[in-house]
PDB file of N, CA and C in Angstrom:
ATOM      1  N   MET A   1      -0.923   5.255 117.404  1.00  0.00           N
ATOM      2  CA  MET A   1       0.435   5.468 116.978  1.00  0.00           C
ATOM      3  C   MET A   1       0.515   5.149 115.488  1.00  0.00           C
ATOM      4  N   SER A   2       1.228   5.995 114.742  1.00  0.00           N
ATOM      5  CA  SER A   2       1.474   5.723 113.328  1.00  0.00           C
ATOM      6  C   SER A   2       2.959   5.900 113.056  1.00  0.00           C
ATOM      7  N   VAL A   3       3.447   5.139 112.117  1.00  0.00           N
ATOM      8  CA  VAL A   3       4.872   5.150 111.811  1.00  0.00           C
ATOM      9  C   VAL A   3       5.056   5.590 110.369  1.00  0.00           C
ATOM     10  N   ILE A   4       5.903   6.597 110.170  1.00  0.00           N
ATOM     11  CA  ILE A   4       6.267   7.052 108.825  1.00  0.00           C
ATOM     12  C   ILE A   4       7.788   7.024 108.766  1.00  0.00           C
ATOM     13  N   GLY A   5       8.333   6.128 107.941  1.00  0.00           N
ATOM     14  CA  GLY A   5       9.791   5.966 107.896  1.00  0.00           C
ATOM     15  C   GLY A   5      10.287   5.486 109.249  1.00  0.00           C
ATOM     16  N   SER A   6      11.194   6.203 109.853  1.00  0.00           N
ATOM     17  CA  SER A   6      11.689   5.828 111.177  1.00  0.00           C
ATOM     18  C   SER A   6      11.107   6.733 112.255  1.00  0.00           C
ATOM     19  N   LEU A   7      10.092   7.531 111.908  1.00  0.00           N
ATOM     20  CA  LEU A   7       9.456   8.435 112.857  1.00  0.00           C
ATOM     21  C   LEU A   7       8.155   7.823 113.371  1.00  0.00           C
ATOM     22  N   ILE A   8       7.903   7.998 114.659  1.00  0.00           N
ATOM     23  CA  ILE A   8       6.695   7.463 115.293  1.00  0.00           C
ATOM     24  C   ILE A   8       5.862   8.652 115.759  1.00  0.00           C
ATOM     25  N   PHE A   9       4.591   8.699 115.330  1.00  0.00           N
ATOM     26  CA  PHE A   9       3.706   9.802 115.658  1.00  0.00           C
ATOM     27  C   PHE A   9       2.535   9.327 116.516  1.00  0.00           C
ATOM     28  N   CYS A  10       2.061  10.222 117.367  1.00  0.00           N
ATOM     29  CA  CYS A  10       0.876   9.966 118.175  1.00  0.00           C
ATOM     30  C   CYS A  10      -0.346  10.091 117.268  1.00  0.00           C
ATOM     31  N   THR A  11      -1.251   9.094 117.324  1.00  0.00           N
ATOM     32  CA  THR A  11      -2.450   9.148 116.479  1.00  0.00           C
ATOM     33  C   THR A  11      -3.507  10.076 117.056  1.00  0.00           C
ATOM     34  N   ASP A  12      -3.407  10.430 118.333  1.00  0.00           N
ATOM     35  CA  ASP A  12      -4.393  11.331 118.933  1.00  0.00           C
ATOM     36  C   ASP A  12      -4.127  12.789 118.583  1.00  0.00           C
ATOM     37  N   CYS A  13      -2.867  13.233 118.730  1.00  0.00           N
ATOM     38  CA  CYS A  13      -2.572  14.649 118.517  1.00  0.00           C
ATOM     39  C   CYS A  13      -1.593  14.912 117.375  1.00  0.00           C
ATOM     40  N   GLY A  14      -0.940  13.874 116.840  1.00  0.00           N
ATOM     41  CA  GLY A  14       0.004  14.039 115.748  1.00  0.00           C
ATOM     42  C   GLY A  14       1.408  14.420 116.185  1.00  0.00           C
ATOM     43  N   ASN A  15       1.660  14.459 117.478  1.00  0.00           N
ATOM     44  CA  ASN A  15       2.967  14.827 118.002  1.00  0.00           C
ATOM     45  C   ASN A  15       3.995  13.740 117.667  1.00  0.00           C
ATOM     46  N   LEU A  16       5.230  14.160 117.420  1.00  0.00           N
ATOM     47  CA  LEU A  16       6.323  13.221 117.182  1.00  0.00           C
ATOM     48  C   LEU A  16       6.727  12.608 118.511  1.00  0.00           C
ATOM     49  N   LEU A  17       6.685  11.266 118.579  1.00  0.00           N
ATOM     50  CA  LEU A  17       7.016  10.574 119.819  1.00  0.00           C
ATOM     51  C   LEU A  17       8.526  10.384 119.928  1.00  0.00           C
ATOM     52  N   ASP A  18       9.003  10.323 121.138  1.00  0.00           N
ATOM     53  CA  ASP A  18      10.427  10.156 121.408  1.00  0.00           C
ATOM     54  C   ASP A  18      10.790   8.695 121.187  1.00  0.00           C
ATOM     55  N   SER A  19      11.427   8.401 120.045  1.00  0.00           N
ATOM     56  CA  SER A  19      11.737   7.003 119.725  1.00  0.00           C
ATOM     57  C   SER A  19      12.896   6.464 120.563  1.00  0.00           C
ATOM     58  N   ILE A  20      13.659   7.344 121.211  1.00  0.00           N
ATOM     59  CA  ILE A  20      14.736   6.883 122.105  1.00  0.00           C
ATOM     60  C   ILE A  20      14.127   6.173 123.308  1.00  0.00           C
ATOM     61  N   ALA A  21      12.926   6.569 123.692  1.00  0.00           N
ATOM     62  CA  ALA A  21      12.253   5.956 124.841  1.00  0.00           C
ATOM     63  C   ALA A  21      11.591   4.635 124.470  1.00  0.00           C
ATOM     64  N   ALA A  22      11.862   4.115 123.281  1.00  0.00           N
ATOM     65  CA  ALA A  22      11.228   2.882 122.828  1.00  0.00           C
ATOM     66  C   ALA A  22      11.644   1.664 123.640  1.00  0.00           C
ATOM     67  N   ALA A  23      12.719   1.760 124.372  1.00  0.00           N
ATOM     68  CA  ALA A  23      13.164   0.633 125.193  1.00  0.00           C
ATOM     69  C   ALA A  23      12.267   0.452 126.418  1.00  0.00           C
ATOM     70  N   ARG A  24      11.485   1.452 126.761  1.00  0.00           N
ATOM     71  CA  ARG A  24      10.575   1.352 127.904  1.00  0.00           C
ATOM     72  C   ARG A  24       9.391   0.446 127.552  1.00  0.00           C
ATOM     73  N   GLN A  25       8.627   0.056 128.578  1.00  0.00           N
ATOM     74  CA  GLN A  25       7.452  -0.791 128.385  1.00  0.00           C
ATOM     75  C   GLN A  25       6.325  -0.048 127.666  1.00  0.00           C
ATOM     76  N   VAL A  26       6.192   1.243 127.986  1.00  0.00           N
ATOM     77  CA  VAL A  26       5.122   2.048 127.401  1.00  0.00           C
ATOM     78  C   VAL A  26       5.725   3.324 126.837  1.00  0.00           C
ATOM     79  N   LEU A  27       5.365   3.633 125.617  1.00  0.00           N
ATOM     80  CA  LEU A  27       5.797   4.873 124.984  1.00  0.00           C
ATOM     81  C   LEU A  27       4.660   5.873 125.127  1.00  0.00           C
ATOM     82  N   SER A  28       4.912   6.976 125.797  1.00  0.00           N
ATOM     83  CA  SER A  28       3.837   7.936 126.041  1.00  0.00           C
ATOM     84  C   SER A  28       4.115   9.239 125.314  1.00  0.00           C
ATOM     85  N   CYS A  29       3.027   9.906 124.913  1.00  0.00           N
ATOM     86  CA  CYS A  29       3.101  11.178 124.211  1.00  0.00           C
ATOM     87  C   CYS A  29       3.286  12.299 125.220  1.00  0.00           C
ATOM     88  N   GLY A  30       4.254  13.151 125.018  1.00  0.00           N
ATOM     89  CA  GLY A  30       4.508  14.262 125.925  1.00  0.00           C
ATOM     90  C   GLY A  30       3.503  15.391 125.761  1.00  0.00           C
ATOM     91  N   GLN A  31       2.767  15.415 124.669  1.00  0.00           N
ATOM     92  CA  GLN A  31       1.799  16.478 124.400  1.00  0.00           C
ATOM     93  C   GLN A  31       0.424  16.172 124.998  1.00  0.00           C
ATOM     94  N   CYS A  32      -0.137  15.005 124.634  1.00  0.00           N
ATOM     95  CA  CYS A  32      -1.505  14.700 125.078  1.00  0.00           C
ATOM     96  C   CYS A  32      -1.568  13.591 126.128  1.00  0.00           C
ATOM     97  N   GLY A  33      -0.443  12.882 126.361  1.00  0.00           N
ATOM     98  CA  GLY A  33      -0.413  11.851 127.386  1.00  0.00           C
ATOM     99  C   GLY A  33      -0.856  10.477 126.919  1.00  0.00           C
ATOM    100  N   ALA A  34      -1.163  10.302 125.628  1.00  0.00           N
ATOM    101  CA  ALA A  34      -1.567   8.987 125.125  1.00  0.00           C
ATOM    102  C   ALA A  34      -0.424   7.998 125.314  1.00  0.00           C
ATOM    103  N   ALA A  35      -0.771   6.743 125.658  1.00  0.00           N
ATOM    104  CA  ALA A  35       0.236   5.721 125.931  1.00  0.00           C
ATOM    105  C   ALA A  35       0.124   4.601 124.915  1.00  0.00           C
ATOM    106  N   TYR A  36       1.266   4.119 124.457  1.00  0.00           N
ATOM    107  CA  TYR A  36       1.326   3.033 123.490  1.00  0.00           C
ATOM    108  C   TYR A  36       2.275   1.979 124.010  1.00  0.00           C
ATOM    109  N   PRO A  37       1.807   0.714 124.112  1.00  0.00           N
ATOM    110  CA  PRO A  37       2.690  -0.353 124.579  1.00  0.00           C
ATOM    111  C   PRO A  37       3.840  -0.567 123.590  1.00  0.00           C
ATOM    112  N   SER A  38       5.013  -0.820 124.116  1.00  0.00           N
ATOM    113  CA  SER A  38       6.184  -0.975 123.256  1.00  0.00           C
ATOM    114  C   SER A  38       6.094  -2.205 122.366  1.00  0.00           C
ATOM    115  N   LYS A  39       5.260  -3.170 122.735  1.00  0.00           N
ATOM    116  CA  LYS A  39       5.110  -4.372 121.901  1.00  0.00           C
ATOM    117  C   LYS A  39       4.465  -4.041 120.558  1.00  0.00           C
ATOM    118  N   ASP A  40       3.753  -2.892 120.458  1.00  0.00           N
ATOM    119  CA  ASP A  40       3.107  -2.505 119.203  1.00  0.00           C
ATOM    120  C   ASP A  40       4.111  -2.119 118.123  1.00  0.00           C
ATOM    121  N   PHE A  41       5.274  -1.655 118.526  1.00  0.00           N
ATOM    122  CA  PHE A  41       6.243  -1.200 117.532  1.00  0.00           C
ATOM    123  C   PHE A  41       7.609  -1.863 117.691  1.00  0.00           C
ATOM    124  N   ALA A  42       7.704  -2.886 118.521  1.00  0.00           N
ATOM    125  CA  ALA A  42       8.994  -3.534 118.769  1.00  0.00           C
ATOM    126  C   ALA A  42       9.500  -4.276 117.534  1.00  0.00           C
ATOM    127  N   ASN A  43       8.618  -4.851 116.731  1.00  0.00           N
ATOM    128  CA  ASN A  43       9.040  -5.662 115.584  1.00  0.00           C
ATOM    129  C   ASN A  43       8.888  -4.922 114.249  1.00  0.00           C
ATOM    130  N   LEU A  44       8.789  -3.617 114.302  1.00  0.00           N
ATOM    131  CA  LEU A  44       8.660  -2.853 113.064  1.00  0.00           C
ATOM    132  C   LEU A  44       9.992  -2.821 112.328  1.00  0.00           C
ATOM    133  N   THR A  45       9.928  -2.966 111.031  1.00  0.00           N
ATOM    134  CA  THR A  45      11.126  -2.794 110.217  1.00  0.00           C
ATOM    135  C   THR A  45      10.980  -1.482 109.456  1.00  0.00           C
ATOM    136  N   VAL A  46      12.024  -0.716 109.453  1.00  0.00           N
ATOM    137  CA  VAL A  46      12.015   0.577 108.784  1.00  0.00           C
ATOM    138  C   VAL A  46      12.595   0.399 107.394  1.00  0.00           C
ATOM    139  N   THR A  47      11.809   0.765 106.389  1.00  0.00           N
ATOM    140  CA  THR A  47      12.247   0.701 105.005  1.00  0.00           C
ATOM    141  C   THR A  47      12.229   2.105 104.439  1.00  0.00           C
ATOM    142  N   THR A  48      13.365   2.560 103.962  1.00  0.00           N
ATOM    143  CA  THR A  48      13.430   3.887 103.365  1.00  0.00           C
ATOM    144  C   THR A  48      13.786   3.753 101.898  1.00  0.00           C
ATOM    145  N   GLN A  49      13.291   4.694 101.117  1.00  0.00           N
ATOM    146  CA  GLN A  49      13.561   4.679  99.696  1.00  0.00           C
ATOM    147  C   GLN A  49      13.760   6.121  99.258  1.00  0.00           C
ATOM    148  N   SER A  50      14.852   6.396  98.588  1.00  0.00           N
ATOM    149  CA  SER A  50      15.108   7.757  98.118  1.00  0.00           C
ATOM    150  C   SER A  50      14.616   7.908  96.686  1.00  0.00           C
ATOM    151  N   SER A  51      14.298   9.137  96.337  1.00  0.00           N
ATOM    152  CA  SER A  51      13.846   9.389  94.972  1.00  0.00           C
ATOM    153  C   SER A  51      15.042   9.368  94.028  1.00  0.00           C
ATOM    154  N   GLU A  52      14.777   9.262  92.734  1.00  0.00           N
ATOM    155  CA  GLU A  52      15.850   9.184  91.751  1.00  0.00           C
ATOM    156  C   GLU A  52      16.691  10.456  91.718  1.00  0.00           C
ATOM    157  N   THR A  53      16.093  11.580  92.054  1.00  0.00           N
ATOM    158  CA  THR A  53      16.809  12.850  91.971  1.00  0.00           C
ATOM    159  C   THR A  53      17.412  13.276  93.311  1.00  0.00           C
ATOM    160  N   ALA A  54      17.340  12.432  94.327  1.00  0.00           N
ATOM    161  CA  ALA A  54      17.830  12.804  95.648  1.00  0.00           C
ATOM    162  C   ALA A  54      19.348  12.979  95.676  1.00  0.00           C
ATOM    163  N   PHE A  55      20.068  12.150  94.944  1.00  0.00           N
ATOM    164  CA  PHE A  55      21.524  12.210  94.933  1.00  0.00           C
ATOM    165  C   PHE A  55      21.996  12.340  93.492  1.00  0.00           C
ATOM    166  N   PRO A  56      22.310  13.569  93.060  1.00  0.00           N
ATOM    167  CA  PRO A  56      22.718  13.750  91.667  1.00  0.00           C
ATOM    168  C   PRO A  56      24.066  13.085  91.385  1.00  0.00           C
ATOM    169  N   SER A  57      24.198  12.570  90.185  1.00  0.00           N
ATOM    170  CA  SER A  57      25.467  11.960  89.790  1.00  0.00           C
ATOM    171  C   SER A  57      25.790  12.382  88.368  1.00  0.00           C
ATOM    172  N   SER A  58      27.061  12.344  88.045  1.00  0.00           N
ATOM    173  CA  SER A  58      27.473  12.733  86.697  1.00  0.00           C
ATOM    174  C   SER A  58      26.960  11.742  85.658  1.00  0.00           C
ATOM    175  N   LEU A  59      26.862  10.476  86.002  1.00  0.00           N
ATOM    176  CA  LEU A  59      26.342   9.478  85.072  1.00  0.00           C
ATOM    177  C   LEU A  59      24.868   9.739  84.773  1.00  0.00           C
ATOM    178  N   ARG A  60      24.077  10.055  85.801  1.00  0.00           N
ATOM    179  CA  ARG A  60      22.658  10.328  85.595  1.00  0.00           C
ATOM    180  C   ARG A  60      22.469  11.587  84.755  1.00  0.00           C
ATOM    181  N   GLN A  61      23.321  12.584  84.938  1.00  0.00           N
ATOM    182  CA  GLN A  61      23.201  13.807  84.157  1.00  0.00           C
ATOM    183  C   GLN A  61      23.526  13.565  82.690  1.00  0.00           C
ATOM    184  N   LYS A  62      24.413  12.631  82.396  1.00  0.00           N
ATOM    185  CA  LYS A  62      24.721  12.302  81.006  1.00  0.00           C
ATOM    186  C   LYS A  62      23.537  11.646  80.317  1.00  0.00           C
ATOM    187  N   ARG A  63      22.686  10.956  81.071  1.00  0.00           N
ATOM    188  CA  ARG A  63      21.527  10.269  80.522  1.00  0.00           C
ATOM    189  C   ARG A  63      20.307  11.182  80.435  1.00  0.00           C
ATOM    190  N   SER A  64      20.427  12.399  80.874  1.00  0.00           N
ATOM    191  CA  SER A  64      19.299  13.322  80.909  1.00  0.00           C
ATOM    192  C   SER A  64      18.767  13.601  79.517  1.00  0.00           C
ATOM    193  N   VAL A  65      17.455  13.812  79.407  1.00  0.00           N
ATOM    194  CA  VAL A  65      16.853  14.152  78.122  1.00  0.00           C
ATOM    195  C   VAL A  65      17.037  15.627  77.803  1.00  0.00           C
ATOM    196  N   VAL A  66      17.390  16.425  78.799  1.00  0.00           N
ATOM    197  CA  VAL A  66      17.624  17.847  78.592  1.00  0.00           C
ATOM    198  C   VAL A  66      19.119  18.076  78.501  1.00  0.00           C
ATOM    199  N   LYS A  67      19.549  18.690  77.415  1.00  0.00           N
ATOM    200  CA  LYS A  67      20.967  18.966  77.243  1.00  0.00           C
ATOM    201  C   LYS A  67      21.289  20.268  77.949  1.00  0.00           C
ATOM    202  N   THR A  68      22.231  20.233  78.886  1.00  0.00           N
ATOM    203  CA  THR A  68      22.504  21.407  79.705  1.00  0.00           C
ATOM    204  C   THR A  68      23.791  22.127  79.331  1.00  0.00           C
ATOM    205  N   THR A  69      24.689  21.497  78.599  1.00  0.00           N
ATOM    206  CA  THR A  69      25.946  22.142  78.253  1.00  0.00           C
ATOM    207  C   THR A  69      26.272  21.898  76.788  1.00  0.00           C
ATOM    208  N   LEU A  70      27.101  22.756  76.267  1.00  0.00           N
ATOM    209  CA  LEU A  70      27.608  22.585  74.913  1.00  0.00           C
ATOM    210  C   LEU A  70      29.102  22.327  74.982  1.00  0.00           C
ATOM    211  N   ARG A  71      29.555  21.330  74.256  1.00  0.00           N
ATOM    212  CA  ARG A  71      30.995  21.137  74.146  1.00  0.00           C
ATOM    213  C   ARG A  71      31.561  22.240  73.278  1.00  0.00           C
ATOM    214  N   ARG A  72      32.839  22.484  73.396  1.00  0.00           N
ATOM    215  CA  ARG A  72      33.463  23.581  72.650  1.00  0.00           C
ATOM    216  C   ARG A  72      33.274  23.420  71.145  1.00  0.00           C
ATOM    217  N   ASP A  73      33.337  22.182  70.653  1.00  0.00           N
ATOM    218  CA  ASP A  73      33.180  21.974  69.209  1.00  0.00           C
ATOM    219  C   ASP A  73      31.723  22.109  68.753  1.00  0.00           C
ATOM    220  N   GLU A  74      30.760  22.112  69.687  1.00  0.00           N
ATOM    221  CA  GLU A  74      29.360  22.291  69.335  1.00  0.00           C
ATOM    222  C   GLU A  74      28.944  23.754  69.302  1.00  0.00           C
ATOM    223  N   ARG A  75      29.729  24.609  69.904  1.00  0.00           N
ATOM    224  CA  ARG A  75      29.395  26.029  69.935  1.00  0.00           C
ATOM    225  C   ARG A  75      29.618  26.627  68.558  1.00  0.00           C
ATOM    226  N   THR A  76      28.719  27.440  68.162  1.00  0.00           N
ATOM    227  CA  THR A  76      28.852  28.085  66.869  1.00  0.00           C
ATOM    228  C   THR A  76      29.167  29.553  67.076  1.00  0.00           C
ATOM    229  N   GLU A  77      30.127  30.043  66.354  1.00  0.00           N
ATOM    230  CA  GLU A  77      30.493  31.450  66.436  1.00  0.00           C
ATOM    231  C   GLU A  77      29.722  32.260  65.393  1.00  0.00           C
ATOM    232  N   GLU A  78      29.078  31.593  64.469  1.00  0.00           N
ATOM    233  CA  GLU A  78      28.314  32.289  63.452  1.00  0.00           C
ATOM    234  C   GLU A  78      26.852  32.263  63.836  1.00  0.00           C
ATOM    235  N   GLY A  79      26.166  33.316  63.475  1.00  0.00           N
ATOM    236  CA  GLY A  79      24.746  33.386  63.766  1.00  0.00           C
ATOM    237  C   GLY A  79      24.048  34.172  62.677  1.00  0.00           C
ATOM    238  N   ALA A  80      22.909  34.665  63.003  1.00  0.00           N
ATOM    239  CA  ALA A  80      22.150  35.468  62.054  1.00  0.00           C
ATOM    240  C   ALA A  80      22.814  36.823  61.875  1.00  0.00           C
ATOM    241  N   THR A  81      22.724  37.360  60.678  1.00  0.00           N
ATOM    242  CA  THR A  81      23.283  38.679  60.394  1.00  0.00           C
ATOM    243  C   THR A  81      22.185  39.718  60.568  1.00  0.00           C
ATOM    244  N   ILE A  82      22.501  40.779  61.335  1.00  0.00           N
ATOM    245  CA  ILE A  82      21.527  41.837  61.604  1.00  0.00           C
ATOM    246  C   ILE A  82      22.147  43.196  61.340  1.00  0.00           C
ATOM    247  N   LYS A  83      21.294  44.184  61.261  1.00  0.00           N
ATOM    248  CA  LYS A  83      21.769  45.559  61.110  1.00  0.00           C
ATOM    249  C   LYS A  83      21.950  46.145  62.503  1.00  0.00           C
ATOM    250  N   GLU A  84      23.150  46.046  62.996  1.00  0.00           N
ATOM    251  CA  GLU A  84      23.541  46.564  64.306  1.00  0.00           C
ATOM    252  C   GLU A  84      24.896  47.222  64.138  1.00  0.00           C
ATOM    253  N   LYS A  85      25.079  48.412  64.665  1.00  0.00           N
ATOM    254  CA  LYS A  85      26.325  49.160  64.493  1.00  0.00           C
ATOM    255  C   LYS A  85      27.401  48.607  65.412  1.00  0.00           C
ATOM    256  N   CYS A  86      28.564  48.313  64.863  1.00  0.00           N
ATOM    257  CA  CYS A  86      29.704  47.828  65.633  1.00  0.00           C
ATOM    258  C   CYS A  86      30.259  48.981  66.463  1.00  0.00           C
ATOM    259  N   PRO A  87      30.429  48.793  67.775  1.00  0.00           N
ATOM    260  CA  PRO A  87      30.949  49.867  68.607  1.00  0.00           C
ATOM    261  C   PRO A  87      32.413  50.213  68.314  1.00  0.00           C
ATOM    262  N   GLN A  88      33.145  49.294  67.672  1.00  0.00           N
ATOM    263  CA  GLN A  88      34.569  49.541  67.433  1.00  0.00           C
ATOM    264  C   GLN A  88      34.829  50.171  66.062  1.00  0.00           C
ATOM    265  N   CYS A  89      34.301  49.572  64.993  1.00  0.00           N
ATOM    266  CA  CYS A  89      34.624  50.088  63.657  1.00  0.00           C
ATOM    267  C   CYS A  89      33.476  50.878  63.028  1.00  0.00           C
ATOM    268  N   GLY A  90      32.267  50.767  63.562  1.00  0.00           N
ATOM    269  CA  GLY A  90      31.140  51.540  63.067  1.00  0.00           C
ATOM    270  C   GLY A  90      30.384  50.909  61.910  1.00  0.00           C
ATOM    271  N   LYS A  91      30.775  49.728  61.467  1.00  0.00           N
ATOM    272  CA  LYS A  91      30.046  49.056  60.378  1.00  0.00           C
ATOM    273  C   LYS A  91      28.642  48.703  60.851  1.00  0.00           C
ATOM    274  N   ASP A  92      27.663  48.756  59.945  1.00  0.00           N
ATOM    275  CA  ASP A  92      26.256  48.552  60.300  1.00  0.00           C
ATOM    276  C   ASP A  92      25.799  47.098  60.210  1.00  0.00           C
ATOM    277  N   GLU A  93      26.696  46.144  60.203  1.00  0.00           N
ATOM    278  CA  GLU A  93      26.299  44.749  60.076  1.00  0.00           C
ATOM    279  C   GLU A  93      27.068  43.895  61.077  1.00  0.00           C
ATOM    280  N   MET A  94      26.324  43.100  61.853  1.00  0.00           N
ATOM    281  CA  MET A  94      26.939  42.198  62.829  1.00  0.00           C
ATOM    282  C   MET A  94      26.215  40.864  62.798  1.00  0.00           C
ATOM    283  N   GLN A  95      26.881  39.843  63.319  1.00  0.00           N
ATOM    284  CA  GLN A  95      26.248  38.539  63.492  1.00  0.00           C
ATOM    285  C   GLN A  95      25.986  38.336  64.976  1.00  0.00           C
ATOM    286  N   TYR A  96      24.936  37.575  65.283  1.00  0.00           N
ATOM    287  CA  TYR A  96      24.638  37.315  66.689  1.00  0.00           C
ATOM    288  C   TYR A  96      24.107  35.903  66.870  1.00  0.00           C
ATOM    289  N   TYR A  97      24.247  35.397  68.083  1.00  0.00           N
ATOM    290  CA  TYR A  97      23.617  34.156  68.517  1.00  0.00           C
ATOM    291  C   TYR A  97      23.333  34.291  70.001  1.00  0.00           C
ATOM    292  N   SER A  98      22.421  33.485  70.517  1.00  0.00           N
ATOM    293  CA  SER A  98      22.052  33.588  71.927  1.00  0.00           C
ATOM    294  C   SER A  98      22.194  32.232  72.611  1.00  0.00           C
ATOM    295  N   LEU A  99      22.516  32.294  73.887  1.00  0.00           N
ATOM    296  CA  LEU A  99      22.598  31.101  74.734  1.00  0.00           C
ATOM    297  C   LEU A  99      21.912  31.397  76.059  1.00  0.00           C
ATOM    298  N   GLN A 100      21.241  30.414  76.611  1.00  0.00           N
ATOM    299  CA  GLN A 100      20.603  30.547  77.917  1.00  0.00           C
ATOM    300  C   GLN A 100      21.629  30.145  78.963  1.00  0.00           C
ATOM    301  N   LEU A 101      22.376  31.122  79.480  1.00  0.00           N
ATOM    302  CA  LEU A 101      23.450  30.837  80.429  1.00  0.00           C
ATOM    303  C   LEU A 101      23.000  30.959  81.872  1.00  0.00           C
ATOM    304  N   ARG A 102      21.937  31.711  82.113  1.00  0.00           N
ATOM    305  CA  ARG A 102      21.444  31.910  83.472  1.00  0.00           C
ATOM    306  C   ARG A 102      20.196  31.064  83.677  1.00  0.00           C
ATOM    307  N   SER A 103      19.522  31.228  84.798  1.00  0.00           N
ATOM    308  CA  SER A 103      18.354  30.399  85.093  1.00  0.00           C
ATOM    309  C   SER A 103      17.248  30.656  84.078  1.00  0.00           C
ATOM    310  N   ALA A 104      16.308  29.746  84.016  1.00  0.00           N
ATOM    311  CA  ALA A 104      15.277  29.777  82.985  1.00  0.00           C
ATOM    312  C   ALA A 104      14.354  30.982  83.092  1.00  0.00           C
ATOM    313  N   ASP A 105      14.216  31.567  84.266  1.00  0.00           N
ATOM    314  CA  ASP A 105      13.319  32.716  84.399  1.00  0.00           C
ATOM    315  C   ASP A 105      14.015  34.040  84.089  1.00  0.00           C
ATOM    316  N   GLU A 106      15.251  33.994  83.652  1.00  0.00           N
ATOM    317  CA  GLU A 106      15.982  35.199  83.260  1.00  0.00           C
ATOM    318  C   GLU A 106      16.248  35.138  81.763  1.00  0.00           C
ATOM    319  N   GLY A 107      16.568  36.276  81.192  1.00  0.00           N
ATOM    320  CA  GLY A 107      16.781  36.353  79.754  1.00  0.00           C
ATOM    321  C   GLY A 107      18.047  35.639  79.300  1.00  0.00           C
ATOM    322  N   ALA A 108      18.142  35.449  77.984  1.00  0.00           N
ATOM    323  CA  ALA A 108      19.303  34.804  77.386  1.00  0.00           C
ATOM    324  C   ALA A 108      20.434  35.815  77.233  1.00  0.00           C
ATOM    325  N   THR A 109      21.633  35.304  77.050  1.00  0.00           N
ATOM    326  CA  THR A 109      22.791  36.137  76.765  1.00  0.00           C
ATOM    327  C   THR A 109      22.978  36.180  75.256  1.00  0.00           C
ATOM    328  N   ILE A 110      23.067  37.379  74.696  1.00  0.00           N
ATOM    329  CA  ILE A 110      23.226  37.559  73.258  1.00  0.00           C
ATOM    330  C   ILE A 110      24.696  37.875  72.972  1.00  0.00           C
ATOM    331  N   PHE A 111      25.305  37.115  72.069  1.00  0.00           N
ATOM    332  CA  PHE A 111      26.695  37.306  71.679  1.00  0.00           C
ATOM    333  C   PHE A 111      26.740  37.925  70.285  1.00  0.00           C
ATOM    334  N   TYR A 112      27.428  39.055  70.159  1.00  0.00           N
ATOM    335  CA  TYR A 112      27.549  39.758  68.886  1.00  0.00           C
ATOM    336  C   TYR A 112      28.986  39.653  68.396  1.00  0.00           C
ATOM    337  N   SER A 113      29.155  39.586  67.070  1.00  0.00           N
ATOM    338  CA  SER A 113      30.492  39.659  66.481  1.00  0.00           C
ATOM    339  C   SER A 113      30.396  40.455  65.181  1.00  0.00           C
ATOM    340  N   CYS A 114      31.350  41.345  64.987  1.00  0.00           N
ATOM    341  CA  CYS A 114      31.370  42.203  63.801  1.00  0.00           C
ATOM    342  C   CYS A 114      31.844  41.381  62.611  1.00  0.00           C
ATOM    343  N   THR A 115      31.150  41.518  61.489  1.00  0.00           N
ATOM    344  CA  THR A 115      31.537  40.785  60.285  1.00  0.00           C
ATOM    345  C   THR A 115      32.745  41.408  59.612  1.00  0.00           C
ATOM    346  N   ASP A 116      33.085  42.647  59.969  1.00  0.00           N
ATOM    347  CA  ASP A 116      34.195  43.349  59.324  1.00  0.00           C
ATOM    348  C   ASP A 116      35.486  43.240  60.145  1.00  0.00           C
ATOM    349  N   CYS A 117      35.455  43.735  61.396  1.00  0.00           N
ATOM    350  CA  CYS A 117      36.694  43.772  62.197  1.00  0.00           C
ATOM    351  C   CYS A 117      36.819  42.610  63.185  1.00  0.00           C
ATOM    352  N   GLY A 118      35.739  41.832  63.397  1.00  0.00           N
ATOM    353  CA  GLY A 118      35.793  40.686  64.291  1.00  0.00           C
ATOM    354  C   GLY A 118      35.593  41.027  65.764  1.00  0.00           C
ATOM    355  N   TYR A 119      35.268  42.284  66.080  1.00  0.00           N
ATOM    356  CA  TYR A 119      35.033  42.698  67.463  1.00  0.00           C
ATOM    357  C   TYR A 119      33.859  41.904  68.040  1.00  0.00           C
ATOM    358  N   LYS A 120      33.995  41.447  69.300  1.00  0.00           N
ATOM    359  CA  LYS A 120      32.952  40.645  69.946  1.00  0.00           C
ATOM    360  C   LYS A 120      32.543  41.253  71.257  1.00  0.00           C
ATOM    361  N   PHE A 121      31.250  41.188  71.552  1.00  0.00           N
ATOM    362  CA  PHE A 121      30.749  41.604  72.855  1.00  0.00           C
ATOM    363  C   PHE A 121      29.445  40.871  73.113  1.00  0.00           C
ATOM    364  N   SER A 122      28.983  40.920  74.360  1.00  0.00           N
ATOM    365  CA  SER A 122      27.738  40.231  74.713  1.00  0.00           C
ATOM    366  C   SER A 122      26.869  41.150  75.576  1.00  0.00           C
ATOM    367  N   THR A 123      25.569  40.871  75.561  1.00  0.00           N
ATOM    368  CA  THR A 123      24.616  41.583  76.400  1.00  0.00           C
ATOM    369  C   THR A 123      23.691  40.569  77.048  1.00  0.00           C
ATOM    370  N   ASN A 124      23.233  40.884  78.245  1.00  0.00           N
ATOM    371  CA  ASN A 124      22.267  40.044  78.955  1.00  0.00           C
ATOM    372  C   ASN A 124      20.885  40.659  78.793  1.00  0.00           C
ATOM    373  N   ASN A 125      19.950  39.874  78.288  1.00  0.00           N
ATOM    374  CA  ASN A 125      18.578  40.360  78.126  1.00  0.00           C
ATOM    375  C   ASN A 125      17.750  40.055  79.336  1.00  0.00           C
TER     376      ASN A 125
END
């Protein structure tokens, strides 16, 4: 018999033993028939420990080394100037910046703004 957390397993076949039957004198495996005296596990103490990331909290996210959000005052509306035609006024110059708004395995979102008329639009790469 081996114990992992609060689960009791048969050492012969690896089957999960019925811990509700622990009140009996002998705990037997329903798969292979191995028998274990209840005195072997009567005084076991179960100790569980959760990982640091098991229960997310807002305080833990504030302490993260990876910055996941931008406050409104941190967002920049200005970016690099490129030669891109504005769909509204037709001027050949726009500014752009990119943000990773979706998951890491998907492309960034590119935000464009016209330097002349102020028209704004975005594209997903």
